[in-house]
Amino acid sequence: LYHLEVIQRAIEQLHAYIHRKSARLQALEQSLRAMADFNYRQRSLLSHALRHPNQTYTIQSHRISHNIAYQTARTDLMELEMRGLLRSKKNRKRLLYTPVVNLEEKLSKG
């Protein structure tokens, strides 16, 4: 009976954590939508990156996702990297962009 109570408390704590995290992400995404510093494509990518922190982005994937020119996609990603929100690494001839570890924290600071 004791072990069942411990498991039940752990599940309740997990549900509370998920609820808090979800509410925080929704609030952050809402404030992200209001930020004029980013264009809509960058806001969309950052919103996706908040929900999928291990996702890798390429110029090509960003270009196709938003139906934009190569240079526009490249500029979007490079600007996010300059602001410290993405980091890049070279894989053969392609640049791979990944969200920084503390993306949520950086965005909430403004």
C-alpha atoms as a PDB file:
ATOM      1  CA  LEU A   1       0.000   0.000   0.000  1.00  0.00           C
ATOM      2  CA  TYR A   2       2.869   2.350   0.838  1.00  0.00           C
ATOM      3  CA  HIS A   3       4.487   1.795  -2.560  1.00  0.00           C
ATOM      4  CA  LEU A   4       1.209   2.482  -4.341  1.00  0.00           C
ATOM      5  CA  GLU A   5       0.905   5.787  -2.490  1.00  0.00           C
ATOM      6  CA  VAL A   6       4.461   6.723  -3.484  1.00  0.00           C
ATOM      7  CA  ILE A   7       3.710   5.886  -7.120  1.00  0.00           C
ATOM      8  CA  GLN A   8       0.472   7.863  -6.993  1.00  0.00           C
ATOM      9  CA  ARG A   9       2.288  10.929  -5.582  1.00  0.00           C
ATOM     10  CA  ALA A  10       4.965  10.621  -8.261  1.00  0.00           C
ATOM     11  CA  ILE A  11       2.313  10.504 -10.988  1.00  0.00           C
ATOM     12  CA  GLU A  12       0.547  13.546  -9.521  1.00  0.00           C
ATOM     13  CA  GLN A  13       3.842  15.434  -9.405  1.00  0.00           C
ATOM     14  CA  LEU A  14       4.556  14.465 -13.000  1.00  0.00           C
ATOM     15  CA  HIS A  15       1.134  15.742 -14.097  1.00  0.00           C
ATOM     16  CA  ALA A  16       1.717  19.004 -12.238  1.00  0.00           C
ATOM     17  CA  TYR A  17       5.146  19.405 -13.864  1.00  0.00           C
ATOM     18  CA  ILE A  18       3.728  18.756 -17.343  1.00  0.00           C
ATOM     19  CA  HIS A  19       0.940  21.262 -16.720  1.00  0.00           C
ATOM     20  CA  ARG A  20       3.403  23.946 -15.527  1.00  0.00           C
ATOM     21  CA  LYS A  21       5.770  23.307 -18.430  1.00  0.00           C
ATOM     22  CA  SER A  22       2.940  23.390 -20.962  1.00  0.00           C
ATOM     23  CA  ALA A  23       1.553  26.642 -19.552  1.00  0.00           C
ATOM     24  CA  ARG A  24       5.022  28.206 -19.606  1.00  0.00           C
ATOM     25  CA  LEU A  25       5.587  27.171 -23.224  1.00  0.00           C
ATOM     26  CA  GLN A  26       2.203  28.544 -24.258  1.00  0.00           C
ATOM     27  CA  ALA A  27       2.932  31.866 -22.538  1.00  0.00           C
ATOM     28  CA  LEU A  28       6.352  32.024 -24.150  1.00  0.00           C
ATOM     29  CA  GLU A  29       4.930  31.262 -27.587  1.00  0.00           C
ATOM     30  CA  GLN A  30       2.307  33.953 -27.074  1.00  0.00           C
ATOM     31  CA  SER A  31       4.946  36.532 -26.199  1.00  0.00           C
ATOM     32  CA  LEU A  32       7.037  35.289 -29.133  1.00  0.00           C
ATOM     33  CA  ARG A  33       4.158  36.078 -31.492  1.00  0.00           C
ATOM     34  CA  ALA A  34       4.158  39.659 -30.211  1.00  0.00           C
ATOM     35  CA  MET A  35       7.915  40.176 -30.681  1.00  0.00           C
ATOM     36  CA  ALA A  36       8.566  42.507 -33.581  1.00  0.00           C
ATOM     37  CA  ASP A  37      12.291  41.638 -33.549  1.00  0.00           C
ATOM     38  CA  PHE A  38      11.633  38.438 -35.498  1.00  0.00           C
ATOM     39  CA  ASN A  39       9.847  37.884 -38.782  1.00  0.00           C
ATOM     40  CA  TYR A  40       7.010  35.351 -38.920  1.00  0.00           C
ATOM     41  CA  ARG A  41       9.303  32.617 -40.291  1.00  0.00           C
ATOM     42  CA  GLN A  42      11.771  33.032 -37.456  1.00  0.00           C
ATOM     43  CA  ARG A  43       8.952  33.072 -34.887  1.00  0.00           C
ATOM     44  CA  SER A  44       7.581  29.874 -36.411  1.00  0.00           C
ATOM     45  CA  LEU A  45      10.979  28.175 -36.277  1.00  0.00           C
ATOM     46  CA  LEU A  46      11.574  29.281 -32.675  1.00  0.00           C
ATOM     47  CA  SER A  47       8.131  28.074 -31.659  1.00  0.00           C
ATOM     48  CA  HIS A  48       8.879  24.690 -33.228  1.00  0.00           C
ATOM     49  CA  ALA A  49      12.312  24.609 -31.581  1.00  0.00           C
ATOM     50  CA  LEU A  50      10.756  25.211 -28.151  1.00  0.00           C
ATOM     51  CA  ARG A  51       8.607  22.125 -28.567  1.00  0.00           C
ATOM     52  CA  HIS A  52      11.319  20.058 -30.262  1.00  0.00           C
ATOM     53  CA  PRO A  53      14.657  21.033 -28.679  1.00  0.00           C
ATOM     54  CA  ASN A  54      16.594  18.255 -30.430  1.00  0.00           C
ATOM     55  CA  GLN A  55      15.421  19.193 -33.916  1.00  0.00           C
ATOM     56  CA  THR A  56      17.985  20.045 -36.574  1.00  0.00           C
ATOM     57  CA  TYR A  57      17.252  22.714 -39.178  1.00  0.00           C
ATOM     58  CA  THR A  58      18.961  23.331 -42.499  1.00  0.00           C
ATOM     59  CA  ILE A  59      18.728  26.190 -44.939  1.00  0.00           C
ATOM     60  CA  GLN A  60      16.976  23.811 -47.317  1.00  0.00           C
ATOM     61  CA  SER A  61      14.431  22.624 -44.741  1.00  0.00           C
ATOM     62  CA  HIS A  62      13.642  26.217 -43.724  1.00  0.00           C
ATOM     63  CA  ARG A  63      13.400  27.238 -47.385  1.00  0.00           C
ATOM     64  CA  ILE A  64      10.963  24.442 -48.224  1.00  0.00           C
ATOM     65  CA  SER A  65       8.965  24.874 -45.042  1.00  0.00           C
ATOM     66  CA  HIS A  66       8.200  28.522 -45.829  1.00  0.00           C
ATOM     67  CA  ASN A  67       8.452  28.455 -49.633  1.00  0.00           C
ATOM     68  CA  ILE A  68      11.155  31.119 -49.700  1.00  0.00           C
ATOM     69  CA  ALA A  69      14.399  31.755 -51.575  1.00  0.00           C
ATOM     70  CA  TYR A  70      17.651  30.156 -50.448  1.00  0.00           C
ATOM     71  CA  GLN A  71      19.172  33.501 -49.448  1.00  0.00           C
ATOM     72  CA  THR A  72      16.125  34.443 -47.355  1.00  0.00           C
ATOM     73  CA  ALA A  73      16.260  31.123 -45.491  1.00  0.00           C
ATOM     74  CA  ARG A  74      20.010  31.496 -44.984  1.00  0.00           C
ATOM     75  CA  THR A  75      19.599  35.041 -43.647  1.00  0.00           C
ATOM     76  CA  ASP A  76      16.832  33.943 -41.233  1.00  0.00           C
ATOM     77  CA  LEU A  77      18.940  31.151 -39.764  1.00  0.00           C
ATOM     78  CA  MET A  78      22.151  33.159 -39.614  1.00  0.00           C
ATOM     79  CA  GLU A  79      20.374  35.989 -37.796  1.00  0.00           C
ATOM     80  CA  LEU A  80      18.984  33.574 -35.206  1.00  0.00           C
ATOM     81  CA  GLU A  81      22.486  32.204 -34.760  1.00  0.00           C
ATOM     82  CA  MET A  82      23.934  35.714 -34.320  1.00  0.00           C
ATOM     83  CA  ARG A  83      21.338  36.374 -31.613  1.00  0.00           C
ATOM     84  CA  GLY A  84      22.497  33.244 -29.798  1.00  0.00           C
ATOM     85  CA  LEU A  85      19.267  31.277 -30.282  1.00  0.00           C
ATOM     86  CA  LEU A  86      20.616  28.687 -32.707  1.00  0.00           C
ATOM     87  CA  ARG A  87      24.036  27.175 -33.109  1.00  0.00           C
ATOM     88  CA  SER A  88      25.464  25.795 -36.284  1.00  0.00           C
ATOM     89  CA  LYS A  89      27.861  23.059 -37.171  1.00  0.00           C
ATOM     90  CA  LYS A  90      29.081  21.882 -40.498  1.00  0.00           C
ATOM     91  CA  ASN A  91      28.229  18.373 -41.650  1.00  0.00           C
ATOM     92  CA  ARG A  92      30.062  17.717 -44.882  1.00  0.00           C
ATOM     93  CA  LYS A  93      28.981  20.650 -47.046  1.00  0.00           C
ATOM     94  CA  ARG A  94      25.771  21.524 -45.169  1.00  0.00           C
ATOM     95  CA  LEU A  95      25.273  23.742 -42.165  1.00  0.00           C
ATOM     96  CA  LEU A  96      23.068  22.199 -39.500  1.00  0.00           C
ATOM     97  CA  TYR A  97      21.342  24.523 -37.067  1.00  0.00           C
ATOM     98  CA  THR A  98      20.134  23.357 -33.672  1.00  0.00           C
ATOM     99  CA  PRO A  99      18.454  25.279 -30.858  1.00  0.00           C
ATOM    100  CA  VAL A 100      20.725  26.320 -28.013  1.00  0.00           C
ATOM    101  CA  VAL A 101      20.286  24.360 -24.797  1.00  0.00           C
ATOM    102  CA  ASN A 102      18.802  27.301 -22.882  1.00  0.00           C
ATOM    103  CA  LEU A 103      16.538  28.597 -25.685  1.00  0.00           C
ATOM    104  CA  GLU A 104      13.493  28.939 -23.451  1.00  0.00           C
ATOM    105  CA  GLU A 105      15.482  30.937 -20.902  1.00  0.00           C
ATOM    106  CA  LYS A 106      17.002  33.234 -23.552  1.00  0.00           C
ATOM    107  CA  LEU A 107      13.625  33.963 -25.098  1.00  0.00           C
ATOM    108  CA  SER A 108      11.954  34.671 -21.770  1.00  0.00           C
ATOM    109  CA  LYS A 109      14.667  37.242 -20.944  1.00  0.00           C
ATOM    110  CA  GLY A 110      13.776  39.104 -24.084  1.00  0.00           C
END
